[in-house]
Amino acid sequence: FFLSLPRQTILQNFAPLSLRQDTGALWENFIISERIKTNQYSGRYANSYFWRTTQQQEIDYIEECDGQFTVFEMKWNPRRANTQFPSSFLNAYDVKETAVITPDNWMEWVV
């Protein structure tokens, strides 16, 4: 995978992903940027958000389209893909879909 070469260049960190401490952040950045490009190329207009509470509950990425939300969590490690989305968000908003994006299924979300 090509993951955030400009960030690697600035930090001068070209270590393999298996040796890096920021692999999850790189993965999240890659998926969000590719998803935004996919939406633009397909002509799909969606507002993009991030969500975090003062109690540190969070959702990595949210898209709003026609008043409905699709919420995304990005997990580099597929074994950690059994994610619970915060019920406070799910109960407060009209959530159409939830998705956990891993290296095993990422193509269906960015193509």
Protein backbone atom coordinates (compact mmCIF):
# COMPACT_ATOMS: atom_id res chain seq x y z
CA PHE A 1 0.00 0.00 0.00
CA PHE A 2 1.03 3.59 -0.63
CA LEU A 3 0.45 5.25 2.72
CA SER A 4 1.07 8.95 3.14
CA LEU A 5 4.45 9.42 1.48
CA PRO A 6 4.55 13.18 2.28
CA ARG A 7 4.15 12.43 6.01
CA GLN A 8 6.88 9.80 5.83
CA THR A 9 9.14 12.27 4.07
CA ILE A 10 8.60 15.02 6.63
CA LEU A 11 9.22 12.63 9.52
CA GLN A 12 12.04 10.85 7.66
CA ASN A 13 10.43 7.57 8.70
CA PHE A 14 10.52 5.01 5.92
CA ALA A 15 10.43 1.96 8.17
CA PRO A 16 8.23 -0.95 7.10
CA LEU A 17 4.65 -0.74 8.38
CA SER A 18 5.24 -3.72 10.66
CA LEU A 19 7.83 -1.68 12.59
CA ARG A 20 5.97 1.63 12.81
CA GLN A 21 4.00 2.97 15.78
CA ASP A 22 1.68 5.05 13.56
CA THR A 23 0.41 2.36 11.17
CA GLY A 24 -3.21 2.76 12.28
CA ALA A 25 -3.10 6.54 11.77
CA LEU A 26 -1.55 6.10 8.32
CA TRP A 27 -4.26 3.57 7.41
CA GLU A 28 -7.03 5.89 8.60
CA ASN A 29 -5.60 8.82 6.65
CA PHE A 30 -5.26 6.73 3.48
CA ILE A 31 -8.83 5.40 3.60
CA ILE A 32 -10.42 8.79 4.34
CA SER A 33 -8.53 10.55 1.56
CA GLU A 34 -9.36 7.78 -0.94
CA ARG A 35 -13.02 7.76 0.12
CA ILE A 36 -13.28 11.53 -0.40
CA LYS A 37 -11.73 11.15 -3.87
CA THR A 38 -14.14 8.32 -4.70
CA ASN A 39 -17.11 10.49 -3.73
CA GLN A 40 -15.86 13.39 -5.83
CA TYR A 41 -15.07 11.28 -8.89
CA SER A 42 -18.48 9.61 -8.78
CA GLY A 43 -20.35 12.90 -8.33
CA ARG A 44 -21.70 11.84 -4.93
CA TYR A 45 -21.96 14.84 -2.63
CA ALA A 46 -21.43 14.00 1.03
CA ASN A 47 -20.51 16.11 4.03
CA SER A 48 -17.54 14.70 5.92
CA TYR A 49 -17.18 14.74 9.69
CA PHE A 50 -15.23 13.33 12.60
CA TRP A 51 -16.87 12.79 15.99
CA ARG A 52 -15.42 12.63 19.49
CA THR A 53 -16.94 13.22 22.91
CA THR A 54 -15.30 14.60 26.03
CA GLN A 55 -15.37 10.99 27.29
CA GLN A 56 -13.12 10.07 24.31
CA GLN A 57 -15.77 8.10 22.42
CA GLU A 58 -15.06 8.57 18.74
CA ILE A 59 -15.97 7.69 15.20
CA ASP A 60 -13.12 7.85 12.69
CA TYR A 61 -15.10 9.19 9.75
CA ILE A 62 -18.74 10.13 9.07
CA GLU A 63 -20.47 10.91 5.80
CA GLU A 64 -23.80 12.68 5.66
CA CYS A 65 -25.82 12.40 2.49
CA ASP A 66 -29.48 13.44 2.25
CA GLY A 67 -29.73 13.71 6.04
CA GLN A 68 -28.56 10.16 6.67
CA PHE A 69 -25.22 9.14 8.08
CA THR A 70 -22.76 6.40 7.21
CA VAL A 71 -20.19 5.90 9.94
CA PHE A 72 -16.78 4.34 9.41
CA GLU A 73 -14.10 2.86 11.62
CA MET A 74 -10.74 2.02 10.12
CA LYS A 75 -8.80 -0.93 11.53
CA TRP A 76 -5.41 -1.93 10.16
CA ASN A 77 -5.61 -5.21 12.06
CA PRO A 78 -8.61 -7.24 10.81
CA ARG A 79 -8.68 -9.16 14.11
CA ARG A 80 -9.71 -5.90 15.82
CA ALA A 81 -12.52 -5.31 13.32
CA ASN A 82 -15.28 -6.28 15.76
CA THR A 83 -15.90 -2.65 16.67
CA GLN A 84 -18.76 -1.27 18.73
CA PHE A 85 -19.94 2.11 17.51
CA PRO A 86 -20.90 4.52 20.31
CA SER A 87 -24.58 4.10 21.12
CA SER A 88 -24.79 7.79 22.02
CA PHE A 89 -24.14 8.63 18.36
CA LEU A 90 -26.26 5.81 16.93
CA ASN A 91 -29.24 6.85 19.08
CA ALA A 92 -28.92 10.56 18.32
CA TYR A 93 -28.59 10.45 14.53
CA ASP A 94 -30.24 8.75 11.55
CA VAL A 95 -27.51 6.22 10.80
CA LYS A 96 -28.07 4.45 7.52
CA GLU A 97 -25.01 2.23 7.64
CA THR A 98 -21.95 1.38 9.72
CA ALA A 99 -18.74 0.04 8.24
CA VAL A 100 -15.44 -1.22 9.57
CA ILE A 101 -12.73 -0.84 6.94
CA THR A 102 -9.77 -3.22 7.02
CA PRO A 103 -7.11 -4.28 4.52
CA ASP A 104 -9.45 -7.18 3.67
CA ASN A 105 -12.40 -5.05 2.48
CA TRP A 106 -11.09 -1.56 1.71
CA MET A 107 -11.54 -1.75 -2.06
CA GLU A 108 -15.33 -1.93 -1.83
CA TRP A 109 -15.33 1.46 -0.06
CA VAL A 110 -12.94 3.36 -2.31
CA VAL A 111 -13.79 2.09 -5.78
